[in-house]
Amino acid sequence: MPKIGLFALIDLGRKLPQLEKLARSVPLADPMSAQNASTLDAQSLADWLEYIGYIEGAIESGERVAEEVRPLVR
């Protein structure tokens, strides 16, 4: 697991519920039928973290975490 700073970890913990809520709004069987599907599909994790105001410097940590987790969810 990549190292992540304390403040980035705290902020990530505060932001994850927002990501979980967003994920629940996307139907697993037909993700492109979700509201704003094309907008969501065009966004990277870094774009979304920046949009919700993730603390500066933590976006890179979030991307490293995503890269570590990606093989686990495939």
C-alpha atoms as a PDB file:
ATOM      1  CA  MET A   1       0.000   0.000   0.000  1.00  0.00           C
ATOM      2  CA  PRO A   2       1.392   3.423  -0.888  1.00  0.00           C
ATOM      3  CA  LYS A   3       2.347   5.851   1.871  1.00  0.00           C
ATOM      4  CA  ILE A   4      -0.115   8.664   2.405  1.00  0.00           C
ATOM      5  CA  GLY A   5       0.251  11.676   4.662  1.00  0.00           C
ATOM      6  CA  LEU A   6      -1.849  12.063   7.794  1.00  0.00           C
ATOM      7  CA  PHE A   7      -3.856  15.027   6.529  1.00  0.00           C
ATOM      8  CA  ALA A   8      -4.433  13.378   3.157  1.00  0.00           C
ATOM      9  CA  LEU A   9      -5.611  10.217   4.936  1.00  0.00           C
ATOM     10  CA  ILE A  10      -8.015  12.205   7.118  1.00  0.00           C
ATOM     11  CA  ASP A  11      -9.357  14.086   4.106  1.00  0.00           C
ATOM     12  CA  LEU A  12      -9.694  10.865   2.126  1.00  0.00           C
ATOM     13  CA  GLY A  13     -11.767   9.417   4.973  1.00  0.00           C
ATOM     14  CA  ARG A  14     -14.032  12.453   4.820  1.00  0.00           C
ATOM     15  CA  LYS A  15     -14.414  12.273   1.026  1.00  0.00           C
ATOM     16  CA  LEU A  16     -14.947   8.511   0.594  1.00  0.00           C
ATOM     17  CA  PRO A  17     -18.642   8.662   1.613  1.00  0.00           C
ATOM     18  CA  GLN A  18     -19.204  11.087  -1.281  1.00  0.00           C
ATOM     19  CA  LEU A  19     -17.550   8.668  -3.691  1.00  0.00           C
ATOM     20  CA  GLU A  20     -19.589   5.766  -2.296  1.00  0.00           C
ATOM     21  CA  LYS A  21     -22.819   7.764  -2.740  1.00  0.00           C
ATOM     22  CA  LEU A  22     -21.846   8.562  -6.320  1.00  0.00           C
ATOM     23  CA  ALA A  23     -20.999   4.904  -6.986  1.00  0.00           C
ATOM     24  CA  ARG A  24     -24.398   3.783  -5.648  1.00  0.00           C
ATOM     25  CA  SER A  25     -26.081   6.100  -8.172  1.00  0.00           C
ATOM     26  CA  VAL A  26     -24.558   4.152 -11.083  1.00  0.00           C
ATOM     27  CA  PRO A  27     -26.455   0.967 -12.050  1.00  0.00           C
ATOM     28  CA  LEU A  28     -24.063  -1.985 -12.256  1.00  0.00           C
ATOM     29  CA  ALA A  29     -25.998  -3.663 -15.050  1.00  0.00           C
ATOM     30  CA  ASP A  30     -26.043  -0.554 -17.256  1.00  0.00           C
ATOM     31  CA  PRO A  31     -23.639   2.151 -16.052  1.00  0.00           C
ATOM     32  CA  MET A  32     -24.228   4.343 -19.093  1.00  0.00           C
ATOM     33  CA  SER A  33     -27.888   4.732 -18.088  1.00  0.00           C
ATOM     34  CA  ALA A  34     -26.856   6.677 -14.979  1.00  0.00           C
ATOM     35  CA  GLN A  35     -27.680  10.362 -14.771  1.00  0.00           C
ATOM     36  CA  ASN A  36     -24.739  12.290 -16.245  1.00  0.00           C
ATOM     37  CA  ALA A  37     -23.104   9.018 -17.321  1.00  0.00           C
ATOM     38  CA  SER A  38     -21.039  10.572 -20.095  1.00  0.00           C
ATOM     39  CA  THR A  39     -19.763  13.303 -17.755  1.00  0.00           C
ATOM     40  CA  LEU A  40     -18.858  10.764 -15.080  1.00  0.00           C
ATOM     41  CA  ASP A  41     -17.213   8.496 -17.647  1.00  0.00           C
ATOM     42  CA  ALA A  42     -15.018  11.340 -18.872  1.00  0.00           C
ATOM     43  CA  GLN A  43     -13.769  12.193 -15.358  1.00  0.00           C
ATOM     44  CA  SER A  44     -10.597  10.770 -13.887  1.00  0.00           C
ATOM     45  CA  LEU A  45     -10.219  10.138 -10.172  1.00  0.00           C
ATOM     46  CA  ALA A  46      -7.933  13.185 -10.004  1.00  0.00           C
ATOM     47  CA  ASP A  47     -10.583  15.327 -11.740  1.00  0.00           C
ATOM     48  CA  TRP A  48     -13.234  14.221  -9.253  1.00  0.00           C
ATOM     49  CA  LEU A  49     -10.974  14.733  -6.226  1.00  0.00           C
ATOM     50  CA  GLU A  50     -10.117  18.222  -7.452  1.00  0.00           C
ATOM     51  CA  TYR A  51     -13.811  18.972  -8.066  1.00  0.00           C
ATOM     52  CA  ILE A  52     -14.816  18.043  -4.507  1.00  0.00           C
ATOM     53  CA  GLY A  53     -11.954  20.013  -2.999  1.00  0.00           C
ATOM     54  CA  TYR A  54      -9.556  17.302  -1.944  1.00  0.00           C
ATOM     55  CA  ILE A  55      -6.546  18.849  -0.204  1.00  0.00           C
ATOM     56  CA  GLU A  56      -3.597  19.923  -2.317  1.00  0.00           C
ATOM     57  CA  GLY A  57      -0.994  17.215  -2.737  1.00  0.00           C
ATOM     58  CA  ALA A  58      -3.397  14.456  -1.765  1.00  0.00           C
ATOM     59  CA  ILE A  59      -4.672  13.858  -5.298  1.00  0.00           C
ATOM     60  CA  GLU A  60      -1.446  12.059  -6.190  1.00  0.00           C
ATOM     61  CA  SER A  61      -1.810   9.894  -3.082  1.00  0.00           C
ATOM     62  CA  GLY A  62      -5.399   9.097  -4.037  1.00  0.00           C
ATOM     63  CA  GLU A  63      -4.312   8.073  -7.515  1.00  0.00           C
ATOM     64  CA  ARG A  64      -1.606   5.807  -6.063  1.00  0.00           C
ATOM     65  CA  VAL A  65      -4.204   4.176  -3.797  1.00  0.00           C
ATOM     66  CA  ALA A  66      -6.507   3.687  -6.799  1.00  0.00           C
ATOM     67  CA  GLU A  67      -3.701   2.006  -8.740  1.00  0.00           C
ATOM     68  CA  GLU A  68      -3.072  -0.368  -5.814  1.00  0.00           C
ATOM     69  CA  VAL A  69      -6.786  -1.199  -5.458  1.00  0.00           C
ATOM     70  CA  ARG A  70      -7.623  -1.548  -9.169  1.00  0.00           C
ATOM     71  CA  PRO A  71      -6.266  -5.123  -9.553  1.00  0.00           C
ATOM     72  CA  LEU A  72      -8.266  -6.184  -6.499  1.00  0.00           C
ATOM     73  CA  VAL A  73     -11.624  -5.175  -7.986  1.00  0.00           C
ATOM     74  CA  ARG A  74     -11.215  -6.607 -11.486  1.00  0.00           C
END
